[in-house]
Amino acid sequence: MKILVTGGAGFIGSHISHWLRKAGHEIAIIDNLRTGKQTNVPADVPLYEADIRDQARLAELFAKERPQVIVHQAALANVRESMQDPITYAEVNIIGALHLLELAKKYNCRKFVFASTGGAVYGEGFSETERILPFTEDSPPQPKDNYGANKLSCEYYIDLYSQNYDLPYVILRYSNVYGPRQDAKGEAGVIAIFTGAMLAAHPTHITGDGAQTRDFIYVDDIARANVLAVAGDVTGIYNVGTGQPTDINTIHRLLAELTDYRLKPSHLPAPASEVRATYLDSSKAGQELGWEAEVDLREGLRRTVEWARKNQKQEC
C-alpha cells in the first residue's frame, strides 16, 4: 500500500517508516524537519519538507502521491511547552490534523492511523474516590496539559470523520516512548536526556522526588503496533504500553550503571502539570491487533545507550 507518514523523519516516525517498508509498503514522508532529521530518511524515500499547517502545500503533496493510508505522527509534543504556548500547539496538533483529515476524505483514504498519548490523555486517572491504574481505553480522559487536550480533541475529530465520511481509523495511545534517535535536546524523553548528560559527564536533574512513575516502551514496539494497525481490519482506540510502571529514580540508576556515571542527580521543583503516575493496560491491542511489547526495559536501555555512544562518537 501507498502510505504517507507525517513526521517520518523524526524519532518515532523514522522507525515506523522503516518497519512499514520492511512490511512491503511504499511510503512517502512529510516532515518540517523542526526536530526530524533528513539523515533518518533513506535516499530512495520521497521526503517533502512541509508544515502540516500549510493546507495548500499538503493538497499539492496529496495530489502527487495519492496515499491510501495516512500514518500521522507529526506533532508538537513537549508537555511543559504546551502550557506556555497553547495557541501554537493547537494550530499544529489540531488544525494540522484537520487538514489531513479533509484530504483523507477527498482522496478516499482507506485508513487514518493516529499517534495519540496515553499518559497525557488520561492525566491522573481519578474516579470519584480514587486513582484507577492501569489505564484502559475505557478510563475517563482527564488531560492536565494542552498537549493531552490537543490529542484528545484530535481523537474526537477522527471519530467524527469516521462516522460521517466512512474513514476507518486506528488511534494508538502511546505510553512513554524511548530508544535510538531520540534527541537528548529534543521535545521530550527523560531517558534520552539522562543518557546524553551521563555520556557527556554532565550533571543530571530530576523534577520532584523522582518517585513519579511512567510506562516506558521501546520505539520498535511502537513501530510494530503501527504496522499491525495499518494491516488490521479494525477501527478504534488502543493503548500501546508495557503495563509496567517504573519510577524516574530507577531509570536514573539503571542508566548510571550502563554508562558508569557516578554523579548524584539534583532535584528541581515538579511542574504543576506533571502527572504523578501512569501506566497502560494494552490487553485490547493484544486481542484485536495481535500486539504486545517485546523489548524489556533493561534491554531497551542497553540498546539506547549503545546507540547514543556511537552517535556521540560520530558527532565528535
C-alpha atoms as a PDB file:
ATOM      1  CA  MET A   1       0.000   0.000   0.000  1.00  0.00           C
ATOM      2  CA  LYS A   2       0.998   3.603  -0.520  1.00  0.00           C
ATOM      3  CA  ILE A   3       1.387   5.177   2.909  1.00  0.00           C
ATOM      4  CA  LEU A   4       2.022   8.795   3.827  1.00  0.00           C
ATOM      5  CA  VAL A   5       3.904   9.161   7.124  1.00  0.00           C
ATOM      6  CA  THR A   6       3.778  12.607   8.693  1.00  0.00           C
ATOM      7  CA  GLY A   7       6.734  13.324  10.955  1.00  0.00           C
ATOM      8  CA  GLY A   8       8.513  10.439   9.257  1.00  0.00           C
ATOM      9  CA  ALA A   9      11.970  11.986   9.669  1.00  0.00           C
ATOM     10  CA  GLY A  10      11.563  12.220  13.438  1.00  0.00           C
ATOM     11  CA  PHE A  11      12.424   9.855  16.251  1.00  0.00           C
ATOM     12  CA  ILE A  12       9.299   7.688  16.270  1.00  0.00           C
ATOM     13  CA  GLY A  13       8.213   8.366  12.697  1.00  0.00           C
ATOM     14  CA  SER A  14      11.501   7.236  11.168  1.00  0.00           C
ATOM     15  CA  HIS A  15      11.311   3.899  12.996  1.00  0.00           C
ATOM     16  CA  ILE A  16       7.717   3.442  11.848  1.00  0.00           C
ATOM     17  CA  SER A  17       8.740   4.241   8.271  1.00  0.00           C
ATOM     18  CA  HIS A  18      11.476   1.605   8.435  1.00  0.00           C
ATOM     19  CA  TRP A  19       9.083  -1.059   9.716  1.00  0.00           C
ATOM     20  CA  LEU A  20       6.432  -0.171   7.138  1.00  0.00           C
ATOM     21  CA  ARG A  21       8.978  -0.566   4.337  1.00  0.00           C
ATOM     22  CA  LYS A  22      10.123  -3.838   5.879  1.00  0.00           C
ATOM     23  CA  ALA A  23       6.493  -4.991   5.679  1.00  0.00           C
ATOM     24  CA  GLY A  24       6.483  -4.251   1.933  1.00  0.00           C
ATOM     25  CA  HIS A  25       4.672  -0.917   1.848  1.00  0.00           C
ATOM     26  CA  GLU A  26       5.567   2.068  -0.338  1.00  0.00           C
ATOM     27  CA  ILE A  27       5.945   5.211   1.734  1.00  0.00           C
ATOM     28  CA  ALA A  28       6.350   8.940   1.372  1.00  0.00           C
ATOM     29  CA  ILE A  29       7.232  11.282   4.227  1.00  0.00           C
ATOM     30  CA  ILE A  30       6.145  14.773   5.212  1.00  0.00           C
ATOM     31  CA  ASP A  31       8.257  16.479   7.864  1.00  0.00           C
ATOM     32  CA  ASN A  32       9.073  20.115   8.571  1.00  0.00           C
ATOM     33  CA  LEU A  33      12.470  18.996   9.961  1.00  0.00           C
ATOM     34  CA  ARG A  34      11.943  21.024  13.152  1.00  0.00           C
ATOM     35  CA  THR A  35      13.030  18.026  15.179  1.00  0.00           C
ATOM     36  CA  GLY A  36      13.255  15.433  12.420  1.00  0.00           C
ATOM     37  CA  LYS A  37      16.466  14.793  10.516  1.00  0.00           C
ATOM     38  CA  GLN A  38      16.964  14.175   6.821  1.00  0.00           C
ATOM     39  CA  THR A  39      19.590  11.568   7.710  1.00  0.00           C
ATOM     40  CA  ASN A  40      16.812   9.444   9.254  1.00  0.00           C
ATOM     41  CA  VAL A  41      15.194   9.024   5.831  1.00  0.00           C
ATOM     42  CA  PRO A  42      16.562   6.553   3.220  1.00  0.00           C
ATOM     43  CA  ALA A  43      17.665   8.215  -0.007  1.00  0.00           C
ATOM     44  CA  ASP A  44      15.051   6.383  -2.081  1.00  0.00           C
ATOM     45  CA  VAL A  45      12.089   7.511   0.061  1.00  0.00           C
ATOM     46  CA  PRO A  46      10.343  10.744  -1.010  1.00  0.00           C
ATOM     47  CA  LEU A  47      10.757  13.357   1.732  1.00  0.00           C
ATOM     48  CA  TYR A  48       8.697  16.528   1.489  1.00  0.00           C
ATOM     49  CA  GLU A  49       9.777  19.334   3.786  1.00  0.00           C
ATOM     50  CA  ALA A  50       6.419  20.826   4.706  1.00  0.00           C
ATOM     51  CA  ASP A  51       4.416  22.050   7.677  1.00  0.00           C
ATOM     52  CA  ILE A  52       1.062  20.350   8.280  1.00  0.00           C
ATOM     53  CA  ARG A  53      -0.436  23.793   8.928  1.00  0.00           C
ATOM     54  CA  ASP A  54       0.178  24.630   5.256  1.00  0.00           C
ATOM     55  CA  GLN A  55      -3.063  23.425   3.694  1.00  0.00           C
ATOM     56  CA  ALA A  56      -2.119  24.373   0.118  1.00  0.00           C
ATOM     57  CA  ARG A  57       1.203  22.549   0.315  1.00  0.00           C
ATOM     58  CA  LEU A  58      -0.457  19.441   1.736  1.00  0.00           C
ATOM     59  CA  ALA A  59      -3.007  19.493  -1.080  1.00  0.00           C
ATOM     60  CA  GLU A  60      -0.181  19.524  -3.644  1.00  0.00           C
ATOM     61  CA  LEU A  61       1.511  16.551  -1.981  1.00  0.00           C
ATOM     62  CA  PHE A  62      -1.684  14.512  -1.798  1.00  0.00           C
ATOM     63  CA  ALA A  63      -2.411  15.216  -5.460  1.00  0.00           C
ATOM     64  CA  LYS A  64       1.075  13.966  -6.359  1.00  0.00           C
ATOM     65  CA  GLU A  65       1.397  10.949  -4.020  1.00  0.00           C
ATOM     66  CA  ARG A  66      -2.268   9.882  -3.646  1.00  0.00           C
ATOM     67  CA  PRO A  67      -1.712   7.874  -0.462  1.00  0.00           C
ATOM     68  CA  GLN A  68      -4.057   5.071   0.509  1.00  0.00           C
ATOM     69  CA  VAL A  69      -3.238   5.281   4.223  1.00  0.00           C
ATOM     70  CA  ILE A  70      -2.106   8.144   6.444  1.00  0.00           C
ATOM     71  CA  VAL A  71       0.086   7.399   9.457  1.00  0.00           C
ATOM     72  CA  HIS A  72       0.010  10.684  11.358  1.00  0.00           C
ATOM     73  CA  GLN A  73       2.950  11.119  13.744  1.00  0.00           C
ATOM     74  CA  ALA A  74       3.794  14.808  13.292  1.00  0.00           C
ATOM     75  CA  ALA A  75       3.100  16.898  16.389  1.00  0.00           C
ATOM     76  CA  LEU A  76       4.468  19.302  18.926  1.00  0.00           C
ATOM     77  CA  ALA A  77       4.905  17.104  21.980  1.00  0.00           C
ATOM     78  CA  ASN A  78       6.512  18.988  24.858  1.00  0.00           C
ATOM     79  CA  VAL A  79       4.054  18.976  27.761  1.00  0.00           C
ATOM     80  CA  ARG A  80       5.601  21.956  29.559  1.00  0.00           C
ATOM     81  CA  GLU A  81       5.998  23.971  26.378  1.00  0.00           C
ATOM     82  CA  SER A  82       2.349  23.302  25.545  1.00  0.00           C
ATOM     83  CA  MET A  83       1.339  25.152  28.705  1.00  0.00           C
ATOM     84  CA  GLN A  84       3.433  28.165  27.707  1.00  0.00           C
ATOM     85  CA  ASP A  85       2.300  28.325  24.071  1.00  0.00           C
ATOM     86  CA  PRO A  86      -1.188  26.807  23.801  1.00  0.00           C
ATOM     87  CA  ILE A  87      -2.092  28.619  20.568  1.00  0.00           C
ATOM     88  CA  THR A  88       0.806  27.262  18.524  1.00  0.00           C
ATOM     89  CA  TYR A  89       0.222  23.785  19.932  1.00  0.00           C
ATOM     90  CA  ALA A  90      -3.437  23.891  18.912  1.00  0.00           C
ATOM     91  CA  GLU A  91      -2.552  25.155  15.447  1.00  0.00           C
ATOM     92  CA  VAL A  92      -0.068  22.353  14.791  1.00  0.00           C
ATOM     93  CA  ASN A  93      -1.690  19.477  16.623  1.00  0.00           C
ATOM     94  CA  ILE A  94      -5.393  20.139  15.977  1.00  0.00           C
ATOM     95  CA  ILE A  95      -5.615  22.284  12.837  1.00  0.00           C
ATOM     96  CA  GLY A  96      -2.821  20.286  11.200  1.00  0.00           C
ATOM     97  CA  ALA A  97      -4.701  17.044  11.855  1.00  0.00           C
ATOM     98  CA  LEU A  98      -7.886  18.553  10.410  1.00  0.00           C
ATOM     99  CA  HIS A  99      -6.045  19.457   7.199  1.00  0.00           C
ATOM    100  CA  LEU A 100      -5.002  15.814   6.874  1.00  0.00           C
ATOM    101  CA  LEU A 101      -8.487  14.516   7.645  1.00  0.00           C
ATOM    102  CA  GLU A 102     -10.006  16.740   4.979  1.00  0.00           C
ATOM    103  CA  LEU A 103      -7.526  15.438   2.419  1.00  0.00           C
ATOM    104  CA  ALA A 104      -8.069  11.851   3.555  1.00  0.00           C
ATOM    105  CA  LYS A 105     -11.774  12.381   2.898  1.00  0.00           C
ATOM    106  CA  LYS A 106     -11.141  13.963  -0.515  1.00  0.00           C
ATOM    107  CA  TYR A 107      -8.828  11.163  -1.679  1.00  0.00           C
ATOM    108  CA  ASN A 108     -10.898   8.323  -0.177  1.00  0.00           C
ATOM    109  CA  CYS A 109      -8.074   7.038   2.003  1.00  0.00           C
ATOM    110  CA  ARG A 110      -8.538   3.535   3.370  1.00  0.00           C
ATOM    111  CA  LYS A 111      -7.352   4.280   6.885  1.00  0.00           C
ATOM    112  CA  PHE A 112      -6.110   7.005   9.219  1.00  0.00           C
ATOM    113  CA  VAL A 113      -3.613   5.849  11.868  1.00  0.00           C
ATOM    114  CA  PHE A 114      -3.046   8.421  14.594  1.00  0.00           C
ATOM    115  CA  ALA A 115      -0.377   8.740  17.283  1.00  0.00           C
ATOM    116  CA  SER A 116      -2.092   9.756  20.496  1.00  0.00           C
ATOM    117  CA  THR A 117      -0.780   9.695  24.052  1.00  0.00           C
ATOM    118  CA  GLY A 118      -1.661   7.505  26.993  1.00  0.00           C
ATOM    119  CA  GLY A 119      -0.169   9.487  29.865  1.00  0.00           C
ATOM    120  CA  ALA A 120      -1.280  12.946  28.746  1.00  0.00           C
ATOM    121  CA  VAL A 121      -4.828  11.943  27.696  1.00  0.00           C
ATOM    122  CA  TYR A 122      -5.642  10.017  30.887  1.00  0.00           C
ATOM    123  CA  GLY A 123      -3.981  12.503  33.245  1.00  0.00           C
ATOM    124  CA  GLU A 124      -4.075  11.402  36.864  1.00  0.00           C
ATOM    125  CA  GLY A 125      -6.914   8.948  36.266  1.00  0.00           C
ATOM    126  CA  PHE A 126      -9.094   9.764  39.244  1.00  0.00           C
ATOM    127  CA  SER A 127     -12.518   8.230  39.614  1.00  0.00           C
ATOM    128  CA  GLU A 128     -14.949   9.762  42.088  1.00  0.00           C
ATOM    129  CA  THR A 129     -12.979   8.405  45.025  1.00  0.00           C
ATOM    130  CA  GLU A 130      -9.577   7.109  43.916  1.00  0.00           C
ATOM    131  CA  ARG A 131      -6.939   6.874  41.199  1.00  0.00           C
ATOM    132  CA  ILE A 132      -7.537   3.869  38.946  1.00  0.00           C
ATOM    133  CA  LEU A 133      -4.427   2.241  37.420  1.00  0.00           C
ATOM    134  CA  PRO A 134      -3.527   0.846  34.978  1.00  0.00           C
ATOM    135  CA  PHE A 135      -5.456   2.897  32.454  1.00  0.00           C
ATOM    136  CA  THR A 136      -7.664   1.059  29.984  1.00  0.00           C
ATOM    137  CA  GLU A 137      -9.259   2.530  26.892  1.00  0.00           C
ATOM    138  CA  ASP A 138     -12.423   2.973  28.985  1.00  0.00           C
ATOM    139  CA  SER A 139     -10.672   5.100  31.614  1.00  0.00           C
ATOM    140  CA  PRO A 140     -12.074   8.659  31.623  1.00  0.00           C
ATOM    141  CA  PRO A 141      -9.771  11.107  29.811  1.00  0.00           C
ATOM    142  CA  GLN A 142      -8.584  13.864  32.134  1.00  0.00           C
ATOM    143  CA  PRO A 143      -5.771  15.822  30.428  1.00  0.00           C
ATOM    144  CA  LYS A 144      -3.737  18.088  32.707  1.00  0.00           C
ATOM    145  CA  ASP A 145      -1.906  19.898  29.901  1.00  0.00           C
ATOM    146  CA  ASN A 146      -2.571  21.388  26.485  1.00  0.00           C
ATOM    147  CA  TYR A 147      -0.693  18.650  24.653  1.00  0.00           C
ATOM    148  CA  GLY A 148      -3.004  15.992  26.100  1.00  0.00           C
ATOM    149  CA  ALA A 149      -6.037  18.149  25.354  1.00  0.00           C
ATOM    150  CA  ASN A 150      -4.838  18.555  21.748  1.00  0.00           C
ATOM    151  CA  LYS A 151      -4.522  14.806  21.255  1.00  0.00           C
ATOM    152  CA  LEU A 152      -7.908  14.107  22.808  1.00  0.00           C
ATOM    153  CA  SER A 153      -9.514  16.736  20.561  1.00  0.00           C
ATOM    154  CA  CYS A 154      -7.978  15.038  17.531  1.00  0.00           C
ATOM    155  CA  GLU A 155      -9.361  11.689  18.652  1.00  0.00           C
ATOM    156  CA  TYR A 156     -12.873  13.137  18.673  1.00  0.00           C
ATOM    157  CA  TYR A 157     -12.395  14.685  15.224  1.00  0.00           C
ATOM    158  CA  ILE A 158     -11.071  11.418  13.812  1.00  0.00           C
ATOM    159  CA  ASP A 159     -14.100   9.535  15.103  1.00  0.00           C
ATOM    160  CA  LEU A 160     -16.355  12.238  13.670  1.00  0.00           C
ATOM    161  CA  TYR A 161     -14.809  11.773  10.208  1.00  0.00           C
ATOM    162  CA  SER A 162     -15.222   8.030  10.550  1.00  0.00           C
ATOM    163  CA  GLN A 163     -18.914   8.367  11.367  1.00  0.00           C
ATOM    164  CA  ASN A 164     -19.702  10.921   8.670  1.00  0.00           C
ATOM    165  CA  TYR A 165     -17.303  10.023   5.861  1.00  0.00           C
ATOM    166  CA  ASP A 166     -16.642   6.308   6.365  1.00  0.00           C
ATOM    167  CA  LEU A 167     -12.946   6.775   7.183  1.00  0.00           C
ATOM    168  CA  PRO A 168     -11.622   3.774   9.152  1.00  0.00           C
ATOM    169  CA  TYR A 169      -9.101   4.677  11.820  1.00  0.00           C
ATOM    170  CA  VAL A 170      -6.804   3.310  14.470  1.00  0.00           C
ATOM    171  CA  ILE A 171      -5.790   5.570  17.334  1.00  0.00           C
ATOM    172  CA  LEU A 172      -2.741   4.360  19.249  1.00  0.00           C
ATOM    173  CA  ARG A 173      -2.324   5.833  22.703  1.00  0.00           C
ATOM    174  CA  TYR A 174       1.413   5.537  23.300  1.00  0.00           C
ATOM    175  CA  SER A 175       2.988   5.297  26.707  1.00  0.00           C
ATOM    176  CA  ASN A 176       6.449   6.890  27.192  1.00  0.00           C
ATOM    177  CA  VAL A 177       8.475   6.023  24.103  1.00  0.00           C
ATOM    178  CA  TYR A 178      12.282   5.821  24.164  1.00  0.00           C
ATOM    179  CA  GLY A 179      15.075   4.416  22.037  1.00  0.00           C
ATOM    180  CA  PRO A 180      17.671   5.212  19.355  1.00  0.00           C
ATOM    181  CA  ARG A 181      17.351   8.541  17.513  1.00  0.00           C
ATOM    182  CA  GLN A 182      15.560  10.276  20.366  1.00  0.00           C
ATOM    183  CA  ASP A 183      17.262  13.644  20.756  1.00  0.00           C
ATOM    184  CA  ALA A 184      18.571  14.441  24.226  1.00  0.00           C
ATOM    185  CA  LYS A 185      17.866  18.101  23.428  1.00  0.00           C
ATOM    186  CA  GLY A 186      14.527  17.446  21.764  1.00  0.00           C
ATOM    187  CA  GLU A 187      10.902  17.808  22.778  1.00  0.00           C
ATOM    188  CA  ALA A 188      10.631  15.096  25.398  1.00  0.00           C
ATOM    189  CA  GLY A 189      12.154  11.915  26.767  1.00  0.00           C
ATOM    190  CA  VAL A 190      13.802  11.642  30.154  1.00  0.00           C
ATOM    191  CA  ILE A 191      15.769   8.557  29.058  1.00  0.00           C
ATOM    192  CA  ALA A 192      17.369  10.434  26.162  1.00  0.00           C
ATOM    193  CA  ILE A 193      18.059  13.443  28.378  1.00  0.00           C
ATOM    194  CA  PHE A 194      19.692  11.354  31.110  1.00  0.00           C
ATOM    195  CA  THR A 195      21.677   9.287  28.606  1.00  0.00           C
ATOM    196  CA  GLY A 196      23.076  12.332  26.822  1.00  0.00           C
ATOM    197  CA  ALA A 197      24.064  14.023  30.072  1.00  0.00           C
ATOM    198  CA  MET A 198      25.634  10.908  31.550  1.00  0.00           C
ATOM    199  CA  LEU A 199      27.729  10.086  28.487  1.00  0.00           C
ATOM    200  CA  ALA A 200      28.985  13.684  28.473  1.00  0.00           C
ATOM    201  CA  ALA A 201      29.629  13.558  32.249  1.00  0.00           C
ATOM    202  CA  HIS A 202      27.270  16.477  32.771  1.00  0.00           C
ATOM    203  CA  PRO A 203      25.015  16.992  35.814  1.00  0.00           C
ATOM    204  CA  THR A 204      21.572  15.380  35.741  1.00  0.00           C
ATOM    205  CA  HIS A 205      18.339  16.787  37.137  1.00  0.00           C
ATOM    206  CA  ILE A 206      15.170  15.084  38.352  1.00  0.00           C
ATOM    207  CA  THR A 207      11.939  17.028  38.770  1.00  0.00           C
ATOM    208  CA  GLY A 208      10.250  16.431  42.101  1.00  0.00           C
ATOM    209  CA  ASP A 209      11.251  13.466  44.252  1.00  0.00           C
ATOM    210  CA  GLY A 210      11.738  11.063  41.311  1.00  0.00           C
ATOM    211  CA  ALA A 211       9.109   8.642  42.621  1.00  0.00           C
ATOM    212  CA  GLN A 212       6.699   9.532  39.808  1.00  0.00           C
ATOM    213  CA  THR A 213       6.114   6.511  37.563  1.00  0.00           C
ATOM    214  CA  ARG A 214       5.854   6.064  33.814  1.00  0.00           C
ATOM    215  CA  ASP A 215       5.294   3.190  31.380  1.00  0.00           C
ATOM    216  CA  PHE A 216       8.452   3.175  29.235  1.00  0.00           C
ATOM    217  CA  ILE A 217       8.151   1.431  25.876  1.00  0.00           C
ATOM    218  CA  TYR A 218      10.872   0.791  23.315  1.00  0.00           C
ATOM    219  CA  VAL A 219      10.389   2.508  19.965  1.00  0.00           C
ATOM    220  CA  ASP A 220      10.494  -0.676  17.846  1.00  0.00           C
ATOM    221  CA  ASP A 221       7.480  -1.976  19.764  1.00  0.00           C
ATOM    222  CA  ILE A 222       5.627   1.215  18.855  1.00  0.00           C
ATOM    223  CA  ALA A 223       6.637   0.800  15.212  1.00  0.00           C
ATOM    224  CA  ARG A 224       5.296  -2.764  15.147  1.00  0.00           C
ATOM    225  CA  ALA A 225       1.992  -1.559  16.558  1.00  0.00           C
ATOM    226  CA  ASN A 226       1.663   0.887  13.661  1.00  0.00           C
ATOM    227  CA  VAL A 227       2.390  -1.838  11.102  1.00  0.00           C
ATOM    228  CA  LEU A 228      -0.328  -4.003  12.653  1.00  0.00           C
ATOM    229  CA  ALA A 229      -2.712  -1.040  12.742  1.00  0.00           C
ATOM    230  CA  VAL A 230      -2.226  -0.486   9.007  1.00  0.00           C
ATOM    231  CA  ALA A 231      -2.749  -4.162   8.178  1.00  0.00           C
ATOM    232  CA  GLY A 232      -5.566  -4.956  10.598  1.00  0.00           C
ATOM    233  CA  ASP A 233      -9.266  -4.815   9.810  1.00  0.00           C
ATOM    234  CA  VAL A 234     -10.174  -2.900  12.958  1.00  0.00           C
ATOM    235  CA  THR A 235     -11.279   0.588  13.933  1.00  0.00           C
ATOM    236  CA  GLY A 236     -10.843   2.027  17.388  1.00  0.00           C
ATOM    237  CA  ILE A 237      -8.581   3.239  20.180  1.00  0.00           C
ATOM    238  CA  TYR A 238      -5.754   1.079  21.532  1.00  0.00           C
ATOM    239  CA  ASN A 239      -3.343   1.558  24.403  1.00  0.00           C
ATOM    240  CA  VAL A 240       0.238   0.721  23.483  1.00  0.00           C
ATOM    241  CA  GLY A 241       2.411   0.233  26.535  1.00  0.00           C
ATOM    242  CA  THR A 242       4.205  -2.368  28.605  1.00  0.00           C
ATOM    243  CA  GLY A 243       1.855  -2.330  31.582  1.00  0.00           C
ATOM    244  CA  GLN A 244       4.893  -1.978  33.886  1.00  0.00           C
ATOM    245  CA  PRO A 245       5.326   1.242  35.898  1.00  0.00           C
ATOM    246  CA  THR A 246       8.888   2.411  36.537  1.00  0.00           C
ATOM    247  CA  ASP A 247       9.850   5.426  38.632  1.00  0.00           C
ATOM    248  CA  ILE A 248      12.301   8.080  37.446  1.00  0.00           C
ATOM    249  CA  ASN A 249      14.818   7.336  40.199  1.00  0.00           C
ATOM    250  CA  THR A 250      15.057   3.754  38.928  1.00  0.00           C
ATOM    251  CA  ILE A 251      15.589   4.945  35.354  1.00  0.00           C
ATOM    252  CA  HIS A 252      18.409   7.188  36.548  1.00  0.00           C
ATOM    253  CA  ARG A 253      20.026   4.333  38.471  1.00  0.00           C
ATOM    254  CA  LEU A 254      19.823   1.835  35.584  1.00  0.00           C
ATOM    255  CA  LEU A 255      21.258   4.324  33.101  1.00  0.00           C
ATOM    256  CA  ALA A 256      24.021   5.285  35.539  1.00  0.00           C
ATOM    257  CA  GLU A 257      25.019   1.622  35.726  1.00  0.00           C
ATOM    258  CA  LEU A 258      25.062   1.302  31.922  1.00  0.00           C
ATOM    259  CA  THR A 259      27.107   4.489  31.443  1.00  0.00           C
ATOM    260  CA  ASP A 260      29.322   4.160  34.550  1.00  0.00           C
ATOM    261  CA  TYR A 261      28.002   7.533  35.717  1.00  0.00           C
ATOM    262  CA  ARG A 262      28.956   8.453  39.293  1.00  0.00           C
ATOM    263  CA  LEU A 263      27.372  11.862  39.910  1.00  0.00           C
ATOM    264  CA  LYS A 264      24.233  12.223  42.003  1.00  0.00           C
ATOM    265  CA  PRO A 265      21.235  13.955  40.413  1.00  0.00           C
ATOM    266  CA  SER A 266      19.941  17.286  41.652  1.00  0.00           C
ATOM    267  CA  HIS A 267      16.221  17.748  42.220  1.00  0.00           C
ATOM    268  CA  LEU A 268      14.122  20.535  40.705  1.00  0.00           C
ATOM    269  CA  PRO A 269      10.542  21.559  41.555  1.00  0.00           C
ATOM    270  CA  ALA A 270       7.939  19.471  39.741  1.00  0.00           C
ATOM    271  CA  PRO A 271       5.804  21.496  37.298  1.00  0.00           C
ATOM    272  CA  ALA A 272       2.122  21.829  38.152  1.00  0.00           C
ATOM    273  CA  SER A 273       1.025  19.951  35.022  1.00  0.00           C
ATOM    274  CA  GLU A 274       3.152  16.859  35.690  1.00  0.00           C
ATOM    275  CA  VAL A 275       1.244  13.586  36.117  1.00  0.00           C
ATOM    276  CA  ARG A 276       2.279  11.614  39.191  1.00  0.00           C
ATOM    277  CA  ALA A 277       1.672   8.060  37.989  1.00  0.00           C
ATOM    278  CA  THR A 278       0.682   6.408  34.737  1.00  0.00           C
ATOM    279  CA  TYR A 279       0.856   3.029  33.062  1.00  0.00           C
ATOM    280  CA  LEU A 280      -1.307   1.332  30.481  1.00  0.00           C
ATOM    281  CA  ASP A 281      -3.313  -1.852  30.115  1.00  0.00           C
ATOM    282  CA  SER A 282      -2.712  -2.896  26.487  1.00  0.00           C
ATOM    283  CA  SER A 283      -4.666  -6.149  26.509  1.00  0.00           C
ATOM    284  CA  LYS A 284      -7.120  -4.812  23.904  1.00  0.00           C
ATOM    285  CA  ALA A 285      -4.233  -4.323  21.457  1.00  0.00           C
ATOM    286  CA  GLY A 286      -3.188  -7.890  22.150  1.00  0.00           C
ATOM    287  CA  GLN A 287      -6.640  -9.264  21.497  1.00  0.00           C
ATOM    288  CA  GLU A 288      -7.556  -7.203  18.412  1.00  0.00           C
ATOM    289  CA  LEU A 289      -4.234  -6.206  16.828  1.00  0.00           C
ATOM    290  CA  GLY A 290      -2.130  -9.186  17.897  1.00  0.00           C
ATOM    291  CA  TRP A 291       0.378  -6.818  19.509  1.00  0.00           C
ATOM    292  CA  GLU A 292       2.349  -6.950  22.715  1.00  0.00           C
ATOM    293  CA  ALA A 293       5.553  -5.322  23.906  1.00  0.00           C
ATOM    294  CA  GLU A 294       8.601  -7.488  23.205  1.00  0.00           C
ATOM    295  CA  VAL A 295      11.617  -5.459  24.380  1.00  0.00           C
ATOM    296  CA  ASP A 296      12.020  -5.318  28.155  1.00  0.00           C
ATOM    297  CA  LEU A 297      13.281  -2.177  29.863  1.00  0.00           C
ATOM    298  CA  ARG A 298      16.840  -3.282  30.625  1.00  0.00           C
ATOM    299  CA  GLU A 299      17.413  -4.489  27.057  1.00  0.00           C
ATOM    300  CA  GLY A 300      15.855  -1.350  25.626  1.00  0.00           C
ATOM    301  CA  LEU A 301      18.045   0.860  27.787  1.00  0.00           C
ATOM    302  CA  ARG A 302      21.116  -1.129  26.759  1.00  0.00           C
ATOM    303  CA  ARG A 303      20.315  -0.636  23.063  1.00  0.00           C
ATOM    304  CA  THR A 304      19.614   3.045  23.616  1.00  0.00           C
ATOM    305  CA  VAL A 305      22.906   3.665  25.409  1.00  0.00           C
ATOM    306  CA  GLU A 306      24.821   1.682  22.781  1.00  0.00           C
ATOM    307  CA  TRP A 307      23.296   3.812  20.001  1.00  0.00           C
ATOM    308  CA  ALA A 308      23.959   7.038  21.917  1.00  0.00           C
ATOM    309  CA  ARG A 309      27.613   6.111  22.444  1.00  0.00           C
ATOM    310  CA  LYS A 310      28.128   5.510  18.724  1.00  0.00           C
ATOM    311  CA  ASN A 311      26.222   8.633  17.762  1.00  0.00           C
ATOM    312  CA  GLN A 312      28.177  10.769  20.218  1.00  0.00           C
ATOM    313  CA  LYS A 313      31.475   9.493  18.802  1.00  0.00           C
ATOM    314  CA  GLN A 314      30.346  10.245  15.248  1.00  0.00           C
ATOM    315  CA  GLU A 315      29.460  13.823  16.232  1.00  0.00           C
ATOM    316  CA  CYS A 316      32.823  14.414  17.917  1.00  0.00           C
END
